[in-house]
Structure formats: C-alpha cells, structure tokens
C-alpha cells in the first residue's frame, strides 16, 4: 500500500513539474506580434534597413546625403527617437 502511494505521489510531482516547466519556458512567437501597417519616415527618405530589437522598431533611412536611424513603437507607429549620422 505504501509503495503504490509513493509511486502515485511521485507521478503527481512529475506532472506538476512538467506543467511548471512548460509555463516558465513559453516564449511568444514574434511573428504573432502586432506591427503597425504603415510608418511615416519622411517624403524623401529611402529605407535602407528595418529590424525589431527588444520591442523597438529600428529603421535606417537615407534622406539625400544624410543617413539617420529612426526608432518607432511597432504597435502604434509612434516615432520614439531619431539619430542622425554625421561624418567628420
């Protein structure tokens, strides 16, 4: 009787450990994330590269002879910041 109870108890522990492991290791698929349909990068801007890093959309653009890095919120398209690259 005691042996079968211990085996049943060990089985419950294993099931709960597997459930906790699965819950704690879940990572959302980045392809399911909502991304804004259009971004306003400027009328004369040419997009060179775009990527998402740590929840921020980074867009590298060229505006004439100037190159700039634009940071957007990918959910609503709000411009968070702008960095202009200057050669010296």
Protein backbone atom coordinates (compact mmCIF):
# COMPACT_ATOMS: atom_id res chain seq x y z
CA UNK A 1 0.00 0.00 0.00
CA UNK A 2 2.75 2.45 0.93
CA UNK A 3 4.75 1.66 -2.21
CA UNK A 4 1.87 2.34 -4.59
CA UNK A 5 1.05 5.59 -2.75
CA UNK A 6 4.66 6.76 -3.12
CA UNK A 7 4.62 5.93 -6.83
CA UNK A 8 1.35 7.84 -7.29
CA UNK A 9 2.75 10.81 -5.34
CA UNK A 10 5.93 10.79 -7.48
CA UNK A 11 3.74 10.73 -10.60
CA UNK A 12 1.82 13.81 -9.43
CA UNK A 13 5.09 15.62 -8.70
CA UNK A 14 6.38 14.77 -12.19
CA UNK A 15 3.18 16.03 -13.85
CA UNK A 16 3.21 19.31 -11.91
CA UNK A 17 6.93 19.78 -12.60
CA UNK A 18 6.29 19.33 -16.33
CA UNK A 19 3.43 21.85 -16.25
CA UNK A 20 5.53 24.43 -14.38
CA UNK A 21 8.43 23.89 -16.77
CA UNK A 22 6.19 24.43 -19.80
CA UNK A 23 4.65 27.59 -18.32
CA UNK A 24 8.02 29.12 -17.40
CA UNK A 25 9.71 28.38 -20.73
CA UNK A 26 6.92 29.68 -23.00
CA UNK A 27 8.04 32.39 -25.41
CA UNK A 28 5.55 34.06 -27.71
CA UNK A 29 6.17 33.64 -31.41
CA UNK A 30 7.49 37.00 -32.68
CA UNK A 31 5.61 36.53 -35.94
CA UNK A 32 2.35 36.83 -33.97
CA UNK A 33 3.22 40.29 -32.60
CA UNK A 34 1.07 43.16 -33.82
CA UNK A 35 3.03 45.55 -36.04
CA UNK A 36 1.74 48.83 -37.43
CA UNK A 37 0.80 48.70 -41.12
CA UNK A 38 2.45 51.97 -42.21
CA UNK A 39 5.22 54.22 -40.87
CA UNK A 40 5.88 57.87 -41.67
CA UNK A 41 9.62 58.02 -42.41
CA UNK A 42 9.55 61.23 -44.44
CA UNK A 43 8.71 62.14 -48.02
CA UNK A 44 12.24 61.92 -49.46
CA UNK A 45 13.52 59.11 -47.19
CA UNK A 46 14.82 55.87 -48.67
CA UNK A 47 14.57 52.93 -46.25
CA UNK A 48 17.87 51.05 -46.17
CA UNK A 49 17.09 48.57 -43.40
CA UNK A 50 14.40 47.80 -40.80
CA UNK A 51 14.51 45.48 -37.80
CA UNK A 52 12.85 44.95 -34.42
CA UNK A 53 15.09 44.74 -31.36
CA UNK A 54 13.84 44.49 -27.78
CA UNK A 55 10.39 45.79 -28.67
CA UNK A 56 11.59 48.78 -30.70
CA UNK A 57 11.47 49.01 -34.50
CA UNK A 58 14.73 50.40 -35.87
CA UNK A 59 14.62 51.89 -39.37
CA UNK A 60 17.76 53.08 -41.15
CA UNK A 61 16.93 55.74 -43.75
CA UNK A 62 18.81 57.91 -46.21
CA UNK A 63 17.50 61.43 -46.82
CA UNK A 64 19.57 62.92 -49.62
CA UNK A 65 23.14 62.84 -48.28
CA UNK A 66 22.11 62.28 -44.64
CA UNK A 67 21.69 58.87 -43.00
CA UNK A 68 19.50 58.55 -39.91
CA UNK A 69 18.31 55.84 -37.53
CA UNK A 70 14.63 56.17 -36.62
CA UNK A 71 13.18 54.39 -33.58
CA UNK A 72 9.46 53.53 -33.66
CA UNK A 73 6.99 51.80 -31.37
CA UNK A 74 5.99 48.81 -33.55
CA UNK A 75 2.42 48.63 -32.18
CA UNK A 76 1.27 52.20 -32.92
CA UNK A 77 3.97 53.59 -35.25
CA UNK A 78 4.87 56.48 -32.93
CA UNK A 79 8.34 57.94 -33.57
CA UNK A 80 10.33 57.47 -30.35
CA UNK A 81 13.61 58.99 -31.45
CA UNK A 82 15.93 59.93 -34.27
CA UNK A 83 19.71 59.69 -34.56
CA UNK A 84 21.47 61.41 -37.47
CA UNK A 85 24.87 60.06 -38.54
CA UNK A 86 27.43 62.76 -39.32
CA UNK A 87 30.78 62.05 -40.97
CA UNK A 88 33.71 64.01 -39.56
